[in-house]
Amino acid sequence: MTFPIVGDLYNLFEIQQSHPELEVDYAIWNRINTSLPEDYKLPDADILERLKQSAP
């Protein structure tokens, strides 16, 4: 079944921001979400740490 839902329901992002006006396709995002490792976040925590270290 496919229908639009609020994208905030999928917690894939390391830095959380709410955008309730954005909708995603339930079937597609559910398939993406179940295909990823359980602790997967975007961007990767290692990359975030490197960015913090390189900031002036």
N, C-alpha and C. Protein backbone atom coordinates (compact mmCIF):
# COMPACT_ATOMS: atom_id res chain seq x y z
N MET A 1 0.85 -1.18 0.00
CA MET A 1 0.00 0.00 0.00
C MET A 1 0.89 1.24 0.00
N THR A 2 0.51 2.21 -0.76
CA THR A 2 1.30 3.43 -0.83
C THR A 2 0.42 4.64 -0.56
N PHE A 3 0.91 5.50 0.31
CA PHE A 3 0.20 6.74 0.64
C PHE A 3 1.19 7.67 1.32
N PRO A 4 0.94 8.98 1.25
CA PRO A 4 1.86 9.94 1.86
C PRO A 4 1.72 9.98 3.38
N ILE A 5 2.85 10.10 4.04
CA ILE A 5 2.88 10.28 5.50
C ILE A 5 3.91 11.34 5.82
N VAL A 6 3.88 11.88 7.01
CA VAL A 6 4.83 12.90 7.45
C VAL A 6 6.22 12.27 7.56
N GLY A 7 7.19 12.87 6.91
CA GLY A 7 8.55 12.35 6.90
C GLY A 7 9.21 12.30 8.27
N ASP A 8 8.72 13.07 9.22
CA ASP A 8 9.29 13.08 10.57
C ASP A 8 9.17 11.73 11.27
N LEU A 9 8.32 10.84 10.77
CA LEU A 9 8.15 9.53 11.39
C LEU A 9 9.39 8.66 11.22
N TYR A 10 10.22 8.98 10.24
CA TYR A 10 11.44 8.21 9.99
C TYR A 10 12.62 8.95 10.58
N ASN A 11 13.23 8.35 11.55
CA ASN A 11 14.29 8.97 12.33
C ASN A 11 15.65 8.52 11.81
N LEU A 12 16.01 8.93 10.58
CA LEU A 12 17.27 8.51 9.96
C LEU A 12 18.38 9.52 10.13
N PHE A 13 18.06 10.69 10.62
CA PHE A 13 19.04 11.76 10.61
C PHE A 13 19.62 12.02 12.00
N GLU A 14 20.94 12.13 12.03
CA GLU A 14 21.67 12.34 13.29
C GLU A 14 21.26 13.67 13.93
N ILE A 15 21.11 14.70 13.11
CA ILE A 15 20.69 16.02 13.60
C ILE A 15 19.20 16.14 13.29
N GLN A 16 18.41 16.13 14.33
CA GLN A 16 16.95 16.12 14.17
C GLN A 16 16.40 17.52 13.93
N GLN A 17 15.61 17.63 12.88
CA GLN A 17 14.86 18.85 12.60
C GLN A 17 13.48 18.41 12.14
N SER A 18 12.47 19.09 12.61
CA SER A 18 11.11 18.74 12.24
C SER A 18 10.66 19.54 11.03
N HIS A 19 10.08 18.83 10.08
CA HIS A 19 9.50 19.45 8.88
C HIS A 19 8.16 18.77 8.60
N PRO A 20 7.16 19.05 9.42
CA PRO A 20 5.88 18.36 9.28
C PRO A 20 5.18 18.61 7.94
N GLU A 21 5.60 19.64 7.23
CA GLU A 21 4.99 19.94 5.93
C GLU A 21 5.49 19.01 4.82
N LEU A 22 6.58 18.28 5.08
CA LEU A 22 7.14 17.37 4.08
C LEU A 22 6.56 15.97 4.26
N GLU A 23 6.07 15.43 3.16
CA GLU A 23 5.51 14.09 3.19
C GLU A 23 6.36 13.15 2.34
N VAL A 24 6.40 11.89 2.73
CA VAL A 24 7.12 10.86 1.98
C VAL A 24 6.17 9.72 1.67
N ASP A 25 6.52 8.93 0.68
CA ASP A 25 5.72 7.78 0.31
C ASP A 25 5.97 6.67 1.32
N TYR A 26 4.92 6.20 1.96
CA TYR A 26 5.02 5.20 3.02
C TYR A 26 5.73 3.93 2.54
N ALA A 27 5.33 3.39 1.43
CA ALA A 27 5.88 2.11 0.95
C ALA A 27 7.37 2.24 0.64
N ILE A 28 7.75 3.31 -0.02
CA ILE A 28 9.16 3.49 -0.38
C ILE A 28 10.02 3.71 0.85
N TRP A 29 9.62 4.62 1.73
CA TRP A 29 10.43 4.90 2.92
C TRP A 29 10.45 3.72 3.89
N ASN A 30 9.39 2.97 3.94
CA ASN A 30 9.38 1.80 4.80
C ASN A 30 10.38 0.77 4.26
N ARG A 31 10.44 0.60 2.96
CA ARG A 31 11.40 -0.32 2.36
C ARG A 31 12.83 0.15 2.60
N ILE A 32 13.08 1.44 2.45
CA ILE A 32 14.41 1.99 2.73
C ILE A 32 14.76 1.76 4.19
N ASN A 33 13.87 2.11 5.08
CA ASN A 33 14.12 2.02 6.52
C ASN A 33 14.40 0.59 6.96
N THR A 34 13.68 -0.37 6.44
CA THR A 34 13.90 -1.76 6.84
C THR A 34 15.13 -2.37 6.19
N SER A 35 15.66 -1.74 5.14
CA SER A 35 16.86 -2.24 4.47
C SER A 35 18.15 -1.75 5.12
N LEU A 36 18.06 -0.73 5.94
CA LEU A 36 19.25 -0.15 6.57
C LEU A 36 19.58 -0.86 7.88
N PRO A 37 20.86 -0.83 8.28
CA PRO A 37 21.21 -1.38 9.60
C PRO A 37 20.43 -0.66 10.70
N GLU A 38 20.20 -1.34 11.80
CA GLU A 38 19.35 -0.81 12.88
C GLU A 38 19.81 0.55 13.40
N ASP A 39 21.11 0.76 13.54
CA ASP A 39 21.64 2.01 14.11
C ASP A 39 22.04 3.03 13.06
N TYR A 40 21.63 2.86 11.83
CA TYR A 40 22.06 3.73 10.74
C TYR A 40 21.51 5.15 10.90
N LYS A 41 22.38 6.13 10.72
CA LYS A 41 21.99 7.54 10.79
C LYS A 41 22.68 8.29 9.66
N LEU A 42 22.09 9.37 9.21
CA LEU A 42 22.67 10.26 8.20
C LEU A 42 22.94 11.61 8.81
N PRO A 43 24.02 12.28 8.58
CA PRO A 43 25.25 11.65 8.13
C PRO A 43 25.83 10.79 9.24
N ASP A 44 26.79 10.01 8.89
CA ASP A 44 27.46 9.11 9.82
C ASP A 44 28.08 9.90 10.98
N ALA A 45 28.04 9.35 12.18
CA ALA A 45 28.57 10.03 13.37
C ALA A 45 30.05 10.35 13.22
N ASP A 46 30.82 9.47 12.57
CA ASP A 46 32.25 9.74 12.35
C ASP A 46 32.46 10.96 11.47
N ILE A 47 31.66 11.10 10.46
CA ILE A 47 31.77 12.27 9.58
C ILE A 47 31.41 13.54 10.34
N LEU A 48 30.36 13.49 11.16
CA LEU A 48 29.99 14.65 11.97
C LEU A 48 31.13 15.06 12.90
N GLU A 49 31.78 14.08 13.51
CA GLU A 49 32.88 14.38 14.42
C GLU A 49 34.03 15.02 13.66
N ARG A 50 34.35 14.52 12.50
CA ARG A 50 35.42 15.12 11.68
C ARG A 50 35.09 16.55 11.28
N LEU A 51 33.83 16.79 10.96
CA LEU A 51 33.43 18.15 10.61
C LEU A 51 33.57 19.09 11.80
N LYS A 52 33.21 18.61 12.98
CA LYS A 52 33.35 19.42 14.19
C LYS A 52 34.81 19.76 14.45
N GLN A 53 35.70 18.80 14.24
CA GLN A 53 37.12 18.99 14.49
C GLN A 53 37.74 19.97 13.50
N SER A 54 37.20 20.02 12.27
CA SER A 54 37.79 20.89 11.26
C SER A 54 37.19 22.29 11.26
N ALA A 55 36.15 22.51 12.04
CA ALA A 55 35.51 23.83 12.10
C ALA A 55 36.43 24.82 12.80
N PRO A 56 36.45 26.05 12.32
CA PRO A 56 37.33 27.06 12.95
C PRO A 56 36.92 27.41 14.38
